[in-house]
Amino acid sequence: MLYKGIATKARILEYLQIVSFCTYFTAITRPNTAFSTKILAKLLQNPSLQHFNAIYKCFNYLEATKHYALELGTLYIKYPVFAIASNAAYANNLMTRQSTKSSIFQLFGNIID
């Protein structure tokens, strides 16, 4: 919801700093806050009091759950902890003589980037 009033530059800067903090932790460790952070980041130019309340709620959630962690895998390891698979074909395209290659990485059986 867009704000009809005009926010001061100091309030905009404060909002920007809090959104930046939340965005950093969303990107690094807390993907469960990605949607709310994305929506609140769209409102950087003119945040209202309602937007501040929402971003403070997100910030407080991150603070309250700072000791939580995402856990990959299970108690029963049936996959190697870390695995890499790759494939390459050198100049196998007879028309262009181009090479192809690909690889995949897994951590506890989950594909990672």
N, C-alpha and C. Protein backbone atom coordinates (compact mmCIF):
# COMPACT_ATOMS: atom_id res chain seq x y z
N MET A 1 0.84 -1.16 0.00
CA MET A 1 0.00 0.00 0.00
C MET A 1 0.90 1.24 0.00
N LEU A 2 0.73 2.10 -0.98
CA LEU A 2 1.54 3.30 -1.09
C LEU A 2 1.11 4.34 -0.08
N TYR A 3 2.07 5.12 0.37
CA TYR A 3 1.84 6.17 1.36
C TYR A 3 1.54 7.47 0.63
N LYS A 4 0.44 8.13 1.02
CA LYS A 4 0.03 9.37 0.36
C LYS A 4 0.80 10.58 0.87
N GLY A 5 1.29 10.54 2.11
CA GLY A 5 2.05 11.65 2.67
C GLY A 5 3.49 11.65 2.15
N ILE A 6 4.31 12.48 2.76
CA ILE A 6 5.72 12.57 2.35
C ILE A 6 6.59 12.28 3.56
N ALA A 7 7.43 11.28 3.46
CA ALA A 7 8.35 10.92 4.54
C ALA A 7 9.57 11.82 4.50
N THR A 8 10.13 12.11 5.67
CA THR A 8 11.33 12.95 5.73
C THR A 8 12.54 12.14 5.25
N LYS A 9 13.59 12.85 4.90
CA LYS A 9 14.81 12.16 4.44
C LYS A 9 15.42 11.31 5.54
N ALA A 10 15.34 11.79 6.78
CA ALA A 10 15.88 11.03 7.91
C ALA A 10 15.11 9.72 8.09
N ARG A 11 13.79 9.78 7.97
CA ARG A 11 12.97 8.57 8.11
C ARG A 11 13.23 7.60 6.95
N ILE A 12 13.41 8.14 5.75
CA ILE A 12 13.71 7.29 4.60
C ILE A 12 15.05 6.59 4.80
N LEU A 13 16.05 7.33 5.30
CA LEU A 13 17.37 6.74 5.55
C LEU A 13 17.28 5.65 6.62
N GLU A 14 16.54 5.90 7.69
CA GLU A 14 16.36 4.91 8.75
C GLU A 14 15.68 3.65 8.19
N TYR A 15 14.65 3.84 7.40
CA TYR A 15 13.94 2.71 6.79
C TYR A 15 14.87 1.93 5.87
N LEU A 16 15.66 2.65 5.08
CA LEU A 16 16.62 2.02 4.17
C LEU A 16 17.62 1.16 4.93
N GLN A 17 18.11 1.66 6.05
CA GLN A 17 19.09 0.90 6.83
C GLN A 17 18.49 -0.38 7.39
N ILE A 18 17.26 -0.30 7.88
CA ILE A 18 16.62 -1.49 8.45
C ILE A 18 16.30 -2.51 7.35
N VAL A 19 15.80 -2.03 6.21
CA VAL A 19 15.51 -2.93 5.10
C VAL A 19 16.80 -3.58 4.60
N SER A 20 17.89 -2.82 4.54
CA SER A 20 19.18 -3.38 4.11
C SER A 20 19.64 -4.47 5.06
N PHE A 21 19.48 -4.25 6.35
CA PHE A 21 19.84 -5.25 7.34
C PHE A 21 19.03 -6.53 7.13
N CYS A 22 17.72 -6.37 7.00
CA CYS A 22 16.85 -7.53 6.81
C CYS A 22 17.15 -8.25 5.49
N THR A 23 17.43 -7.49 4.44
CA THR A 23 17.75 -8.08 3.14
C THR A 23 19.05 -8.88 3.21
N TYR A 24 20.04 -8.36 3.91
CA TYR A 24 21.31 -9.07 4.06
C TYR A 24 21.09 -10.44 4.71
N PHE A 25 20.36 -10.46 5.83
CA PHE A 25 20.16 -11.73 6.52
C PHE A 25 19.22 -12.65 5.77
N THR A 26 18.32 -12.08 5.00
CA THR A 26 17.46 -12.92 4.16
C THR A 26 18.30 -13.62 3.09
N ALA A 27 19.20 -12.89 2.47
CA ALA A 27 20.02 -13.46 1.40
C ALA A 27 21.04 -14.46 1.93
N ILE A 28 21.57 -14.22 3.11
CA ILE A 28 22.65 -15.06 3.63
C ILE A 28 22.12 -16.27 4.40
N THR A 29 21.22 -16.05 5.34
CA THR A 29 20.87 -17.15 6.24
C THR A 29 19.38 -17.39 6.44
N ARG A 30 18.51 -16.46 6.10
CA ARG A 30 17.11 -16.58 6.48
C ARG A 30 16.16 -16.43 5.29
N PRO A 31 16.10 -17.41 4.41
CA PRO A 31 15.23 -17.29 3.24
C PRO A 31 13.74 -17.26 3.58
N ASN A 32 13.36 -17.62 4.82
CA ASN A 32 11.95 -17.60 5.18
C ASN A 32 11.40 -16.18 5.30
N THR A 33 12.24 -15.16 5.34
CA THR A 33 11.78 -13.77 5.39
C THR A 33 11.88 -13.08 4.03
N ALA A 34 12.15 -13.83 2.99
CA ALA A 34 12.38 -13.24 1.67
C ALA A 34 11.15 -12.50 1.14
N PHE A 35 9.98 -13.07 1.27
CA PHE A 35 8.80 -12.44 0.70
C PHE A 35 8.49 -11.10 1.38
N SER A 36 8.47 -11.08 2.70
CA SER A 36 8.15 -9.83 3.40
C SER A 36 9.23 -8.78 3.16
N THR A 37 10.48 -9.18 3.14
CA THR A 37 11.55 -8.23 2.88
C THR A 37 11.46 -7.67 1.47
N LYS A 38 11.11 -8.51 0.51
CA LYS A 38 10.97 -8.03 -0.87
C LYS A 38 9.86 -7.00 -0.99
N ILE A 39 8.73 -7.25 -0.38
CA ILE A 39 7.60 -6.32 -0.44
C ILE A 39 7.97 -5.00 0.23
N LEU A 40 8.60 -5.06 1.39
CA LEU A 40 8.96 -3.84 2.11
C LEU A 40 10.08 -3.08 1.41
N ALA A 41 10.93 -3.76 0.67
CA ALA A 41 12.01 -3.09 -0.06
C ALA A 41 11.46 -2.29 -1.24
N LYS A 42 10.30 -2.64 -1.73
CA LYS A 42 9.70 -1.88 -2.84
C LYS A 42 9.25 -0.49 -2.41
N LEU A 43 9.15 -0.27 -1.11
CA LEU A 43 8.59 0.98 -0.59
C LEU A 43 9.67 1.90 -0.01
N LEU A 44 10.87 1.84 -0.54
CA LEU A 44 11.99 2.61 0.02
C LEU A 44 11.87 4.12 -0.17
N GLN A 45 11.19 4.57 -1.19
CA GLN A 45 11.19 6.00 -1.49
C GLN A 45 10.28 6.82 -0.58
N ASN A 46 9.20 6.22 -0.08
CA ASN A 46 8.27 6.98 0.74
C ASN A 46 7.58 6.07 1.75
N PRO A 47 8.31 5.61 2.78
CA PRO A 47 7.70 4.68 3.74
C PRO A 47 6.78 5.40 4.73
N SER A 48 5.68 4.73 5.06
CA SER A 48 4.74 5.28 6.04
C SER A 48 5.00 4.64 7.40
N LEU A 49 4.24 5.07 8.39
CA LEU A 49 4.35 4.49 9.72
C LEU A 49 3.97 3.01 9.69
N GLN A 50 3.02 2.65 8.87
CA GLN A 50 2.61 1.25 8.71
C GLN A 50 3.76 0.40 8.15
N HIS A 51 4.52 0.96 7.21
CA HIS A 51 5.67 0.25 6.65
C HIS A 51 6.77 0.08 7.71
N PHE A 52 6.97 1.14 8.53
CA PHE A 52 7.95 1.03 9.61
C PHE A 52 7.54 -0.06 10.59
N ASN A 53 6.27 -0.13 10.93
CA ASN A 53 5.81 -1.18 11.84
C ASN A 53 6.07 -2.56 11.26
N ALA A 54 5.85 -2.71 9.97
CA ALA A 54 6.06 -4.01 9.31
C ALA A 54 7.55 -4.37 9.28
N ILE A 55 8.41 -3.42 8.96
CA ILE A 55 9.84 -3.74 8.89
C ILE A 55 10.41 -3.98 10.29
N TYR A 56 9.90 -3.26 11.30
CA TYR A 56 10.34 -3.53 12.67
C TYR A 56 9.88 -4.92 13.12
N LYS A 57 8.71 -5.33 12.67
CA LYS A 57 8.23 -6.68 12.99
C LYS A 57 9.16 -7.73 12.38
N CYS A 58 9.57 -7.51 11.14
CA CYS A 58 10.52 -8.42 10.47
C CYS A 58 11.86 -8.42 11.20
N PHE A 59 12.32 -7.22 11.57
CA PHE A 59 13.59 -7.08 12.29
C PHE A 59 13.51 -7.80 13.64
N ASN A 60 12.42 -7.60 14.37
CA ASN A 60 12.26 -8.26 15.67
C ASN A 60 12.19 -9.78 15.52
N TYR A 61 11.56 -10.26 14.46
CA TYR A 61 11.52 -11.70 14.19
C TYR A 61 12.94 -12.23 13.98
N LEU A 62 13.72 -11.52 13.18
CA LEU A 62 15.10 -11.95 12.94
C LEU A 62 15.90 -11.96 14.24
N GLU A 63 15.70 -10.94 15.06
CA GLU A 63 16.40 -10.86 16.34
C GLU A 63 15.98 -12.00 17.28
N ALA A 64 14.68 -12.28 17.34
CA ALA A 64 14.18 -13.31 18.24
C ALA A 64 14.58 -14.72 17.80
N THR A 65 14.82 -14.91 16.52
CA THR A 65 15.15 -16.25 16.01
C THR A 65 16.59 -16.34 15.53
N LYS A 66 17.47 -15.50 16.07
CA LYS A 66 18.85 -15.47 15.58
C LYS A 66 19.63 -16.75 15.87
N HIS A 67 19.15 -17.54 16.79
CA HIS A 67 19.85 -18.81 17.10
C HIS A 67 19.26 -19.99 16.33
N TYR A 68 18.26 -19.74 15.50
CA TYR A 68 17.70 -20.80 14.67
C TYR A 68 18.61 -21.02 13.48
N ALA A 69 18.55 -22.19 12.89
CA ALA A 69 19.40 -22.50 11.74
C ALA A 69 18.65 -23.40 10.78
N LEU A 70 18.99 -23.28 9.51
CA LEU A 70 18.49 -24.22 8.53
C LEU A 70 19.36 -25.46 8.60
N GLU A 71 18.75 -26.61 8.56
CA GLU A 71 19.51 -27.85 8.66
C GLU A 71 19.25 -28.69 7.43
N LEU A 72 20.31 -29.02 6.75
CA LEU A 72 20.21 -29.89 5.59
C LEU A 72 20.49 -31.32 6.03
N GLY A 73 19.72 -32.23 5.50
CA GLY A 73 19.98 -33.63 5.78
C GLY A 73 19.07 -34.18 6.87
N THR A 74 19.37 -35.38 7.27
CA THR A 74 18.59 -36.08 8.29
C THR A 74 19.54 -36.72 9.28
N LEU A 75 18.97 -37.37 10.26
CA LEU A 75 19.80 -38.09 11.22
C LEU A 75 20.43 -39.34 10.62
N TYR A 76 19.76 -39.88 9.63
CA TYR A 76 20.24 -41.10 8.99
C TYR A 76 20.84 -40.73 7.64
N ILE A 77 22.15 -40.68 7.60
CA ILE A 77 22.83 -40.25 6.38
C ILE A 77 22.89 -41.42 5.41
N LYS A 78 22.16 -41.28 4.31
CA LYS A 78 22.21 -42.31 3.28
C LYS A 78 22.93 -41.80 2.04
N TYR A 79 23.35 -40.53 2.07
CA TYR A 79 24.10 -39.92 0.97
C TYR A 79 25.45 -39.48 1.51
N PRO A 80 26.42 -39.30 0.64
CA PRO A 80 27.67 -38.69 1.10
C PRO A 80 27.38 -37.26 1.59
N VAL A 81 28.17 -36.78 2.52
CA VAL A 81 27.96 -35.43 3.05
C VAL A 81 28.07 -34.41 1.93
N PHE A 82 29.09 -34.51 1.11
CA PHE A 82 29.28 -33.58 0.00
C PHE A 82 29.66 -34.38 -1.23
N ALA A 83 28.98 -34.13 -2.34
CA ALA A 83 29.27 -34.88 -3.56
C ALA A 83 29.27 -33.93 -4.76
N ILE A 84 30.14 -34.21 -5.69
CA ILE A 84 30.23 -33.43 -6.92
C ILE A 84 30.20 -34.40 -8.09
N ALA A 85 29.41 -34.06 -9.10
CA ALA A 85 29.38 -34.86 -10.32
C ALA A 85 29.54 -33.90 -11.49
N SER A 86 30.32 -34.30 -12.47
CA SER A 86 30.51 -33.43 -13.63
C SER A 86 30.56 -34.27 -14.89
N ASN A 87 30.34 -33.59 -16.00
CA ASN A 87 30.33 -34.25 -17.29
C ASN A 87 30.89 -33.25 -18.30
N ALA A 88 31.69 -33.72 -19.19
CA ALA A 88 32.25 -32.84 -20.21
C ALA A 88 32.39 -33.61 -21.52
N ALA A 89 32.17 -32.91 -22.60
CA ALA A 89 32.36 -33.48 -23.93
C ALA A 89 33.12 -32.44 -24.74
N TYR A 90 34.32 -32.79 -25.13
CA TYR A 90 35.18 -31.83 -25.81
C TYR A 90 35.03 -31.94 -27.32
N ALA A 91 34.57 -30.87 -27.91
CA ALA A 91 34.41 -30.77 -29.37
C ALA A 91 33.57 -31.90 -29.93
N ASN A 92 32.52 -32.27 -29.22
CA ASN A 92 31.70 -33.39 -29.69
C ASN A 92 30.69 -32.98 -30.75
N ASN A 93 30.43 -31.69 -30.92
CA ASN A 93 29.53 -31.23 -31.96
C ASN A 93 30.33 -31.12 -33.26
N LEU A 94 30.08 -32.01 -34.21
CA LEU A 94 30.88 -32.06 -35.43
C LEU A 94 30.70 -30.82 -36.31
N MET A 95 29.55 -30.15 -36.21
CA MET A 95 29.30 -28.97 -37.04
C MET A 95 30.07 -27.75 -36.50
N THR A 96 30.00 -27.50 -35.21
CA THR A 96 30.61 -26.29 -34.64
C THR A 96 31.89 -26.56 -33.88
N ARG A 97 32.15 -27.81 -33.56
CA ARG A 97 33.31 -28.23 -32.76
C ARG A 97 33.32 -27.56 -31.38
N GLN A 98 32.12 -27.29 -30.85
CA GLN A 98 32.01 -26.69 -29.53
C GLN A 98 32.00 -27.78 -28.46
N SER A 99 32.49 -27.41 -27.30
CA SER A 99 32.52 -28.32 -26.16
C SER A 99 31.35 -28.01 -25.23
N THR A 100 30.93 -29.01 -24.49
CA THR A 100 29.89 -28.82 -23.48
C THR A 100 30.38 -29.38 -22.16
N LYS A 101 29.88 -28.80 -21.08
CA LYS A 101 30.24 -29.31 -19.76
C LYS A 101 29.11 -28.95 -18.79
N SER A 102 29.02 -29.72 -17.72
CA SER A 102 28.04 -29.44 -16.68
C SER A 102 28.53 -30.04 -15.37
N SER A 103 27.99 -29.53 -14.28
CA SER A 103 28.35 -30.08 -12.97
C SER A 103 27.19 -29.87 -12.00
N ILE A 104 27.19 -30.67 -10.96
CA ILE A 104 26.17 -30.55 -9.93
C ILE A 104 26.84 -30.80 -8.58
N PHE A 105 26.38 -30.05 -7.57
CA PHE A 105 26.92 -30.18 -6.23
C PHE A 105 25.79 -30.57 -5.28
N GLN A 106 26.08 -31.48 -4.38
CA GLN A 106 25.09 -31.92 -3.40
C GLN A 106 25.69 -31.84 -2.01
N LEU A 107 24.87 -31.37 -1.07
CA LEU A 107 25.24 -31.34 0.34
C LEU A 107 24.15 -32.06 1.10
N PHE A 108 24.47 -33.16 1.75
CA PHE A 108 23.51 -34.02 2.45
C PHE A 108 22.37 -34.43 1.55
N GLY A 109 22.66 -34.71 0.30
CA GLY A 109 21.64 -35.17 -0.64
C GLY A 109 20.81 -34.06 -1.25
N ASN A 110 21.05 -32.79 -0.88
CA ASN A 110 20.31 -31.65 -1.43
C ASN A 110 21.18 -30.91 -2.43
N ILE A 111 20.61 -30.60 -3.59
CA ILE A 111 21.35 -29.88 -4.61
C ILE A 111 21.56 -28.45 -4.15
N ILE A 112 22.81 -27.99 -4.25
CA ILE A 112 23.14 -26.61 -3.87
C ILE A 112 23.74 -25.89 -5.07
N ASP A 113 23.77 -24.61 -4.99
CA ASP A 113 24.30 -23.77 -6.07
C ASP A 113 25.79 -23.60 -5.93
